Amino acid sequence: MSAAKHADILFVKRTESGEDDLAQYCVREGIRHILFDDFSKAFPIVQSVVVGEKTVDEVLSAGSS
């Protein structure tokens, strides 16, 4: 979890059980992150930043995929 503070974009997977320790940690520590259910939904977000279509701030403002 300590590495979460150093990521440019942090993706946090929602769990089926609702035990989202990393998401709770991010909220508590004020770490912007993107919640996702399935990596196939996260990949286009990463790709949009890599190719320059969106900035890190733009995708983090959306908050979830």
C-alpha atoms as a PDB file:
ATOM      1  CA  MET A   1       0.000   0.000   0.000  1.00  0.00           C
ATOM      2  CA  SER A   2       2.857   2.407   0.632  1.00  0.00           C
ATOM      3  CA  ALA A   3       3.733   2.305  -3.084  1.00  0.00           C
ATOM      4  CA  ALA A   4       0.251   3.632  -3.873  1.00  0.00           C
ATOM      5  CA  LYS A   5       1.401   7.157  -3.050  1.00  0.00           C
ATOM      6  CA  HIS A   6       3.998   7.024  -5.825  1.00  0.00           C
ATOM      7  CA  ALA A   7       1.936   5.788  -8.778  1.00  0.00           C
ATOM      8  CA  ASP A   8       1.028   8.166 -11.592  1.00  0.00           C
ATOM      9  CA  ILE A   9      -2.278   6.373 -12.031  1.00  0.00           C
ATOM     10  CA  LEU A  10      -3.450   3.871  -9.458  1.00  0.00           C
ATOM     11  CA  PHE A  11      -6.069   1.334 -10.465  1.00  0.00           C
ATOM     12  CA  VAL A  12      -7.923  -0.298  -7.592  1.00  0.00           C
ATOM     13  CA  LYS A  13      -9.951  -3.403  -8.358  1.00  0.00           C
ATOM     14  CA  ARG A  14     -13.357  -3.655  -6.767  1.00  0.00           C
ATOM     15  CA  THR A  15     -13.755  -6.960  -4.987  1.00  0.00           C
ATOM     16  CA  GLU A  16     -16.884  -9.055  -4.995  1.00  0.00           C
ATOM     17  CA  SER A  17     -16.792  -9.313  -1.213  1.00  0.00           C
ATOM     18  CA  GLY A  18     -16.694  -5.556  -0.744  1.00  0.00           C
ATOM     19  CA  GLU A  19     -13.451  -5.787   1.247  1.00  0.00           C
ATOM     20  CA  ASP A  20     -11.660  -3.031  -0.636  1.00  0.00           C
ATOM     21  CA  ASP A  21      -8.759  -2.315   1.694  1.00  0.00           C
ATOM     22  CA  LEU A  22      -6.732  -0.498  -0.945  1.00  0.00           C
ATOM     23  CA  ALA A  23      -9.668   1.721  -1.927  1.00  0.00           C
ATOM     24  CA  GLN A  24     -10.290   2.587   1.717  1.00  0.00           C
ATOM     25  CA  TYR A  25      -6.594   3.340   2.194  1.00  0.00           C
ATOM     26  CA  CYS A  26      -6.583   5.628  -0.847  1.00  0.00           C
ATOM     27  CA  VAL A  27      -9.604   7.557   0.380  1.00  0.00           C
ATOM     28  CA  ARG A  28      -8.153   7.881   3.878  1.00  0.00           C
ATOM     29  CA  GLU A  29      -4.778   9.067   2.551  1.00  0.00           C
ATOM     30  CA  GLY A  30      -6.209  11.323  -0.158  1.00  0.00           C
ATOM     31  CA  ILE A  31      -4.690   9.280  -2.979  1.00  0.00           C
ATOM     32  CA  ARG A  32      -6.522   9.717  -6.262  1.00  0.00           C
ATOM     33  CA  HIS A  33      -7.306   6.393  -7.880  1.00  0.00           C
ATOM     34  CA  ILE A  34      -9.505   4.716 -10.442  1.00  0.00           C
ATOM     35  CA  LEU A  35     -11.822   1.920  -9.371  1.00  0.00           C
ATOM     36  CA  PHE A  36     -12.311  -0.858 -11.886  1.00  0.00           C
ATOM     37  CA  ASP A  37     -14.160  -4.147 -12.090  1.00  0.00           C
ATOM     38  CA  ASP A  38     -12.367  -5.750 -15.011  1.00  0.00           C
ATOM     39  CA  PHE A  39      -8.962  -4.993 -16.521  1.00  0.00           C
ATOM     40  CA  SER A  40     -10.491  -4.892 -20.001  1.00  0.00           C
ATOM     41  CA  LYS A  41     -12.144  -1.642 -18.880  1.00  0.00           C
ATOM     42  CA  ALA A  42      -8.934  -0.245 -17.374  1.00  0.00           C
ATOM     43  CA  PHE A  43      -6.755  -0.933 -20.423  1.00  0.00           C
ATOM     44  CA  PRO A  44      -8.350   1.747 -22.665  1.00  0.00           C
ATOM     45  CA  ILE A  45      -7.729   4.321 -19.942  1.00  0.00           C
ATOM     46  CA  VAL A  46      -4.043   3.452 -19.795  1.00  0.00           C
ATOM     47  CA  GLN A  47      -3.864   3.471 -23.571  1.00  0.00           C
ATOM     48  CA  SER A  48      -5.487   6.928 -23.810  1.00  0.00           C
ATOM     49  CA  VAL A  49      -2.791   8.362 -21.539  1.00  0.00           C
ATOM     50  CA  VAL A  50       0.067   6.581 -23.307  1.00  0.00           C
ATOM     51  CA  VAL A  51      -0.945   7.865 -26.741  1.00  0.00           C
ATOM     52  CA  GLY A  52      -1.600  11.363 -25.420  1.00  0.00           C
ATOM     53  CA  GLU A  53      -5.362  11.522 -25.900  1.00  0.00           C
ATOM     54  CA  LYS A  54      -5.897  12.290 -22.198  1.00  0.00           C
ATOM     55  CA  THR A  55      -3.795  13.506 -19.318  1.00  0.00           C
ATOM     56  CA  VAL A  56      -3.314  11.733 -16.028  1.00  0.00           C
ATOM     57  CA  ASP A  57      -5.423  14.432 -14.345  1.00  0.00           C
ATOM     58  CA  GLU A  58      -8.250  13.909 -16.831  1.00  0.00           C
ATOM     59  CA  VAL A  59      -8.475  10.181 -16.251  1.00  0.00           C
ATOM     60  CA  LEU A  60      -8.150  10.524 -12.489  1.00  0.00           C
ATOM     61  CA  SER A  61     -10.984  13.052 -12.472  1.00  0.00           C
ATOM     62  CA  ALA A  62     -13.266  10.377 -13.924  1.00  0.00           C
ATOM     63  CA  GLY A  63     -12.507   8.117 -10.949  1.00  0.00           C
ATOM     64  CA  SER A  64     -13.689   4.739 -12.181  1.00  0.00           C
ATOM     65  CA  SER A  65     -13.753   2.540 -15.237  1.00  0.00           C
END
